[in-house]
Amino acid sequence: MAALVIAEHDNHTVKGATLNTVTAALQCGGEVHVLIAGAGAGAAAAAAAHIMGVTKVLHADGAHLDHGLAENVAAQVLALASAYSHLLFPATAAGKNVAPRVAAKLDVGQISDITKVEGSGQEGSGQKSADTFERPIYAGNAIATVQSLDAIKVITVRTTGFDPAAATGGSASIEIVSAVADAGRTVFVGSEIAKNDRPELTAAKIIVSGGRALGSSDKFNDVLTPLADRLGAALGASRAAVDAGYAPNDWQVGQTGKIVAPQLYIAAGISGAIQHLAGMKDSKVIVAINKDPEAPIFSVADYGLEADLFVAVPELVKALG
């Protein structure tokens, strides 16, 4: 049977997390379909049709689907679920809001935050098992291999565990499906969107993060912003820095924040608590700047600089011109 990816989108474009989820779906075997549930989301459906590996896009359009309210999106997924063996959601705030509702209504166990679809058959055969997955536990310090015998598997995908599918090159068909009725249990009131000229944290190729050692929000901005500007990087922060008010909540990297895997992660003044490491240790190259030689961050760093960040970071900015 086929796998259905529930796309995250803004009615115009498909968000990057969906591309990683498509890759996970492809590894489950069978065809991969994508659901675009929204209002006036024709452009998003067209974009989804171009994703490499997708064979069909299901487009459900209705005013009550406009803002991705979990009750309505879950009902839309349930209306289609019987035709699929796998229902995959990105492990984002939106995906985590909808997936448990779907799993509960189907009376199946949810498989959360998968990072790998286990191979089966002879080694090198390239075959995949559609029911066995790997997922991190204990803040990423152990990996659990989970097998599900449920007829329909509800899965959330840790996007850093899979490369994104190509956004172009596909030629999927688009099928219009009937939108379910409004559940009527919730009403969208409004949203306040933080505007940021920097790359989105979970999609950034370079991230500069700071910890509580910076001492204040002013120091956080004065020291780290010039480096981020030079590198065209997103800014991140440890939970301790966020709790102290040095950085906004949406900058938090870690188990209770955002999971990231950029090409380059620079950690300045971050000791490396377990929950922070769980959110960034899959980064391709990790650079740690800390004056404490015993800081746990050095255990995962590719390059470590034992130095005062207030001296080292400005010198690095100067060296970058």
Protein backbone atom coordinates (compact mmCIF):
# COMPACT_ATOMS: atom_id res chain seq x y z
CA MET A 1 0.00 0.00 0.00
CA ALA A 2 0.95 3.62 -0.34
CA ALA A 3 2.22 6.11 2.22
CA LEU A 4 0.57 9.49 2.79
CA VAL A 5 2.64 12.51 3.81
CA ILE A 6 0.68 15.29 5.48
CA ALA A 7 2.34 18.40 4.12
CA GLU A 8 3.17 21.48 6.10
CA HIS A 9 2.55 24.56 3.96
CA ASP A 10 1.34 28.17 3.95
CA ASN A 11 -1.19 27.69 1.11
CA HIS A 12 1.42 28.99 -1.34
CA THR A 13 4.61 27.02 -0.77
CA VAL A 14 5.49 23.69 0.80
CA LYS A 15 7.74 23.98 3.86
CA GLY A 16 11.10 22.28 3.94
CA ALA A 17 10.15 19.78 6.65
CA THR A 18 7.77 18.16 4.17
CA LEU A 19 10.65 17.33 1.83
CA ASN A 20 12.48 15.40 4.56
CA THR A 21 9.26 13.58 5.42
CA VAL A 22 8.82 12.55 1.77
CA THR A 23 12.28 10.95 1.89
CA ALA A 24 11.25 8.93 4.94
CA ALA A 25 8.03 7.88 3.20
CA LEU A 26 9.96 6.72 0.13
CA GLN A 27 12.05 4.45 2.35
CA CYS A 28 8.87 2.76 3.62
CA GLY A 29 8.30 1.28 0.16
CA GLY A 30 5.34 1.71 -2.17
CA GLU A 31 3.94 4.89 -3.67
CA VAL A 32 4.11 8.21 -1.84
CA HIS A 33 1.16 10.58 -1.87
CA VAL A 34 1.03 14.06 -0.33
CA LEU A 35 -1.98 15.71 1.30
CA ILE A 36 -2.38 19.47 0.90
CA ALA A 37 -5.20 20.57 3.20
CA GLY A 38 -5.78 24.31 3.13
CA ALA A 39 -7.77 27.21 1.72
CA GLY A 40 -6.86 28.52 -1.72
CA ALA A 41 -3.86 26.21 -1.61
CA GLY A 42 -3.62 25.48 -5.32
CA ALA A 43 -0.09 26.88 -5.49
CA ALA A 44 1.03 24.63 -2.64
CA ALA A 45 -0.54 21.61 -4.36
CA ALA A 46 1.29 22.48 -7.58
CA ALA A 47 4.57 22.78 -5.67
CA ALA A 48 3.99 19.41 -3.99
CA ALA A 49 3.39 17.81 -7.40
CA HIS A 50 6.95 18.74 -8.38
CA ILE A 51 8.59 16.98 -5.42
CA MET A 52 10.73 14.11 -6.65
CA GLY A 53 9.32 10.72 -5.74
CA VAL A 54 5.72 11.84 -5.13
CA THR A 55 3.21 10.08 -7.39
CA LYS A 56 -0.02 11.82 -6.34
CA VAL A 57 -1.08 15.00 -4.54
CA LEU A 58 -4.43 15.05 -2.74
CA HIS A 59 -5.80 18.59 -2.54
CA ALA A 60 -8.53 19.30 0.02
CA ASP A 61 -9.72 22.91 -0.01
CA GLY A 62 -11.96 24.58 2.54
CA ALA A 63 -12.06 27.79 4.54
CA HIS A 64 -11.94 25.82 7.81
CA LEU A 65 -8.64 24.24 6.70
CA ASP A 66 -6.98 27.61 6.19
CA HIS A 67 -4.91 27.79 9.38
CA GLY A 68 -4.22 24.11 9.94
CA LEU A 69 -6.46 23.70 12.98
CA ALA A 70 -5.63 20.29 14.37
CA GLU A 71 -9.22 19.08 14.74
CA ASN A 72 -10.04 19.77 11.10
CA VAL A 73 -6.77 18.52 9.62
CA ALA A 74 -6.98 15.32 11.67
CA ALA A 75 -10.53 14.72 10.42
CA GLN A 76 -9.33 15.21 6.84
CA VAL A 77 -6.53 12.68 7.32
CA LEU A 78 -8.92 10.18 8.91
CA ALA A 79 -11.25 10.45 5.93
CA LEU A 80 -8.40 9.22 3.71
CA ALA A 81 -6.55 6.91 6.11
CA SER A 82 -8.08 3.59 5.08
CA ALA A 83 -6.30 3.71 1.72
CA TYR A 84 -2.83 3.92 3.28
CA SER A 85 -0.49 1.75 5.31
CA HIS A 86 1.62 4.69 6.56
CA LEU A 87 0.63 8.21 7.58
CA LEU A 88 3.69 10.42 8.02
CA PHE A 89 3.90 13.88 9.62
CA PRO A 90 6.94 16.13 10.09
CA ALA A 91 7.88 16.17 13.79
CA THR A 92 7.22 19.91 13.95
CA ALA A 93 4.81 21.79 16.20
CA ALA A 94 2.09 21.39 13.57
CA GLY A 95 2.75 17.70 12.96
CA LYS A 96 2.92 16.89 16.67
CA ASN A 97 -0.43 18.62 17.12
CA VAL A 98 -2.26 16.53 14.54
CA ALA A 99 -0.61 13.08 14.59
CA PRO A 100 -1.68 12.01 18.12
CA ARG A 101 -5.31 12.82 17.30
CA VAL A 102 -5.14 10.63 14.21
CA ALA A 103 -3.45 7.77 16.08
CA ALA A 104 -6.01 7.91 18.88
CA LYS A 105 -8.97 7.87 16.49
CA LEU A 106 -7.47 4.93 14.61
CA ASP A 107 -6.68 3.19 17.91
CA VAL A 108 -3.06 2.58 16.92
CA GLY A 109 0.24 3.40 18.57
CA GLN A 110 2.06 6.46 17.28
CA ILE A 111 5.72 6.01 16.31
CA SER A 112 7.34 9.32 17.20
CA ASP A 113 10.42 11.10 15.91
CA ILE A 114 11.81 8.39 13.64
CA THR A 115 15.32 8.91 12.30
CA LYS A 116 15.65 5.78 10.19
CA VAL A 117 13.62 3.11 8.41
CA GLU A 118 15.34 -0.17 9.17
CA GLY A 119 16.56 -2.24 6.21
CA SER A 120 15.54 -5.87 5.80
CA GLY A 121 16.49 -8.79 3.60
CA GLN A 122 20.04 -9.58 2.57
CA GLU A 123 22.67 -6.99 3.25
CA GLY A 124 23.09 -4.66 0.31
CA SER A 125 19.73 -5.65 -1.15
CA GLY A 126 18.34 -2.18 -0.60
CA GLN A 127 15.03 -3.61 0.62
CA LYS A 128 13.21 -1.86 3.45
CA SER A 129 11.00 -3.13 6.21
CA ALA A 130 7.78 -1.15 6.32
CA ASP A 131 7.20 -1.83 10.01
CA THR A 132 10.54 -1.26 11.77
CA PHE A 133 12.03 2.12 12.63
CA GLU A 134 14.72 3.78 14.73
CA ARG A 135 13.98 6.66 17.08
CA PRO A 136 16.08 8.45 19.71
CA ILE A 137 15.25 8.09 23.41
CA TYR A 138 16.78 9.51 26.61
CA ALA A 139 17.54 12.87 24.97
CA GLY A 140 19.24 11.12 22.08
CA ASN A 141 21.65 9.13 24.25
CA ALA A 142 20.14 5.83 23.09
CA ILE A 143 18.43 4.67 19.92
CA ALA A 144 15.37 2.42 20.13
CA THR A 145 14.42 0.06 17.31
CA VAL A 146 10.63 -0.10 17.18
CA GLN A 147 8.47 -2.54 15.25
CA SER A 148 4.79 -1.82 14.70
CA LEU A 149 2.23 -4.47 13.80
CA ASP A 150 -0.60 -1.96 13.36
CA ALA A 151 -2.33 -2.07 9.99
CA ILE A 152 -1.98 1.70 9.66
CA LYS A 153 1.20 3.23 11.03
CA VAL A 154 1.07 6.82 12.28
CA ILE A 155 4.57 8.27 12.24
CA THR A 156 6.24 11.58 13.01
CA VAL A 157 9.58 12.15 11.28
CA ARG A 158 12.56 13.91 12.81
CA THR A 159 13.52 15.92 9.77
CA THR A 160 17.23 16.08 10.63
CA GLY A 161 17.39 12.30 10.21
CA PHE A 162 16.57 12.36 6.49
CA ASP A 163 17.91 14.32 3.55
CA PRO A 164 15.27 16.47 1.84
CA ALA A 165 13.71 15.17 -1.35
CA ALA A 166 14.34 17.33 -4.41
CA ALA A 167 11.69 20.05 -4.63
CA THR A 168 11.70 19.91 -8.42
CA GLY A 169 11.79 17.20 -11.05
CA GLY A 170 8.65 15.35 -10.05
CA SER A 171 5.44 15.13 -12.08
CA ALA A 172 2.74 13.89 -9.73
CA SER A 173 -0.94 14.08 -10.58
CA ILE A 174 -3.19 16.33 -8.50
CA GLU A 175 -6.49 14.90 -7.29
CA ILE A 176 -9.16 17.09 -5.74
CA VAL A 177 -10.70 15.43 -2.68
CA SER A 178 -13.77 16.53 -0.76
CA ALA A 179 -13.01 18.61 2.31
CA VAL A 180 -14.48 17.26 5.52
CA ALA A 181 -17.00 19.35 7.44
CA ASP A 182 -15.77 21.89 9.95
CA ALA A 183 -15.46 20.19 13.35
CA GLY A 184 -16.64 23.44 14.91
CA ARG A 185 -14.65 22.92 18.09
CA THR A 186 -12.02 25.58 17.56
CA VAL A 187 -11.89 28.96 15.88
CA PHE A 188 -8.79 30.69 14.56
CA VAL A 189 -8.56 34.07 16.28
CA GLY A 190 -5.24 35.45 15.08
CA SER A 191 -1.48 35.09 15.06
CA GLU A 192 1.54 37.26 15.66
CA ILE A 193 4.33 36.32 13.30
CA ALA A 194 7.85 37.26 14.33
CA LYS A 195 9.57 38.85 11.35
CA ASN A 196 13.19 37.92 10.90
CA ASP A 197 15.59 38.70 8.08
CA ARG A 198 17.72 35.72 9.04
CA PRO A 199 17.23 32.14 7.79
CA GLU A 200 14.65 30.00 9.60
CA LEU A 201 16.48 28.20 12.40
CA THR A 202 15.46 24.65 11.40
CA ALA A 203 16.38 25.27 7.74
CA ALA A 204 19.59 27.30 8.20
CA LYS A 205 22.88 25.96 6.88
CA ILE A 206 24.86 27.89 9.50
CA ILE A 207 23.78 28.60 13.09
CA VAL A 208 25.51 30.72 15.70
CA SER A 209 24.23 29.90 19.20
CA GLY A 210 24.92 31.50 22.54
CA GLY A 211 24.53 30.41 26.14
CA ARG A 212 23.98 31.90 29.56
CA ALA A 213 27.68 32.85 29.74
CA LEU A 214 26.90 35.89 27.57
CA GLY A 215 25.34 37.49 30.63
CA SER A 216 22.65 39.71 29.09
CA SER A 217 20.50 40.22 26.01
CA ASP A 218 22.62 43.24 25.06
CA LYS A 219 25.82 41.20 25.18
CA PHE A 220 24.08 38.39 23.29
CA ASN A 221 23.29 40.75 20.42
CA ASP A 222 26.52 42.76 20.56
CA VAL A 223 28.79 39.72 20.48
CA LEU A 224 26.96 37.16 18.35
CA THR A 225 25.04 39.29 15.83
CA PRO A 226 28.18 40.52 13.98
CA LEU A 227 29.39 36.92 13.59
CA ALA A 228 25.99 35.77 12.35
CA ASP A 229 25.93 38.70 9.91
CA ARG A 230 29.34 37.78 8.51
CA LEU A 231 28.33 34.16 8.00
CA GLY A 232 24.73 34.74 6.88
CA ALA A 233 23.73 32.53 9.80
CA ALA A 234 20.66 32.05 11.93
CA LEU A 235 20.90 32.85 15.63
CA GLY A 236 20.19 30.20 18.25
CA ALA A 237 20.36 29.92 22.02
CA SER A 238 20.53 27.40 24.82
CA ARG A 239 17.56 26.88 27.10
CA ALA A 240 19.45 28.58 29.93
CA ALA A 241 19.94 31.71 27.80
CA VAL A 242 16.26 31.74 26.83
CA ASP A 243 15.11 31.21 30.42
CA ALA A 244 17.34 34.07 31.50
CA GLY A 245 15.71 36.34 28.94
CA TYR A 246 18.80 36.82 26.79
CA ALA A 247 17.15 35.46 23.64
CA PRO A 248 13.58 34.89 22.41
CA ASN A 249 11.92 31.51 22.87
CA ASP A 250 11.88 30.70 19.14
CA TRP A 251 15.70 30.73 19.12
CA GLN A 252 15.94 27.83 21.58
CA VAL A 253 17.85 24.78 20.35
CA GLY A 254 17.50 21.51 22.20
CA GLN A 255 15.21 18.71 23.25
CA THR A 256 12.59 21.20 24.47
CA GLY A 257 13.32 23.63 21.64
CA LYS A 258 14.16 23.10 17.99
CA ILE A 259 16.08 20.16 16.55
CA VAL A 260 18.64 21.38 14.02
CA ALA A 261 21.32 19.83 11.81
CA PRO A 262 23.07 22.63 9.90
CA GLN A 263 26.28 22.33 7.94
CA LEU A 264 28.01 24.46 10.60
CA TYR A 265 26.99 24.98 14.24
CA ILE A 266 28.95 27.45 16.36
CA ALA A 267 28.29 27.21 20.10
CA ALA A 268 29.62 30.18 22.08
CA GLY A 269 29.43 30.04 25.86
CA ILE A 270 27.28 26.90 25.86
CA SER A 271 28.33 24.25 28.37
CA GLY A 272 26.54 21.43 26.55
CA ALA A 273 23.74 20.14 28.75
CA ILE A 274 22.25 16.84 27.57
CA GLN A 275 19.01 18.46 26.41
CA HIS A 276 20.93 20.98 24.27
CA LEU A 277 23.17 18.32 22.71
CA ALA A 278 20.05 16.36 21.76
CA GLY A 279 18.98 19.25 19.55
CA MET A 280 22.21 19.92 17.64
CA LYS A 281 24.63 16.99 17.79
CA ASP A 282 23.65 15.85 14.27
CA SER A 283 25.16 19.05 12.84
CA LYS A 284 27.76 18.31 10.16
CA VAL A 285 30.51 20.46 11.77
CA ILE A 286 30.35 21.68 15.38
CA VAL A 287 32.59 24.46 16.67
CA ALA A 288 32.63 25.09 20.43
CA ILE A 289 34.01 28.20 22.13
CA ASN A 290 34.18 27.92 25.92
CA LYS A 291 36.72 28.82 28.57
CA ASP A 292 35.87 25.74 30.64
CA PRO A 293 38.03 22.85 29.38
CA GLU A 294 35.65 20.35 31.03
CA ALA A 295 32.53 21.65 29.26
CA PRO A 296 30.53 18.70 27.83
CA ILE A 297 30.09 20.57 24.53
CA PHE A 298 33.70 19.67 23.66
CA SER A 299 32.78 15.97 23.62
CA VAL A 300 30.67 16.45 20.48
CA ALA A 301 32.65 19.31 18.89
CA ASP A 302 34.69 18.80 15.75
CA TYR A 303 36.68 21.93 16.64
CA GLY A 304 37.03 23.26 20.17
CA LEU A 305 38.47 26.60 21.22
CA GLU A 306 39.24 26.99 24.92
CA ALA A 307 38.96 30.74 25.19
CA ASP A 308 36.93 33.65 26.53
CA LEU A 309 34.09 34.13 24.03
CA PHE A 310 34.16 37.91 24.57
CA VAL A 311 37.68 37.89 23.13
CA ALA A 312 37.49 35.01 20.67
CA VAL A 313 34.25 35.90 18.87
CA PRO A 314 35.21 39.53 18.02
CA GLU A 315 38.59 38.28 16.80
CA LEU A 316 36.82 35.72 14.62
CA VAL A 317 34.56 38.45 13.20
CA LYS A 318 37.63 40.58 12.49
CA ALA A 319 39.38 37.67 10.76
CA LEU A 320 36.34 37.11 8.55
CA GLY A 321 36.63 40.68 7.32
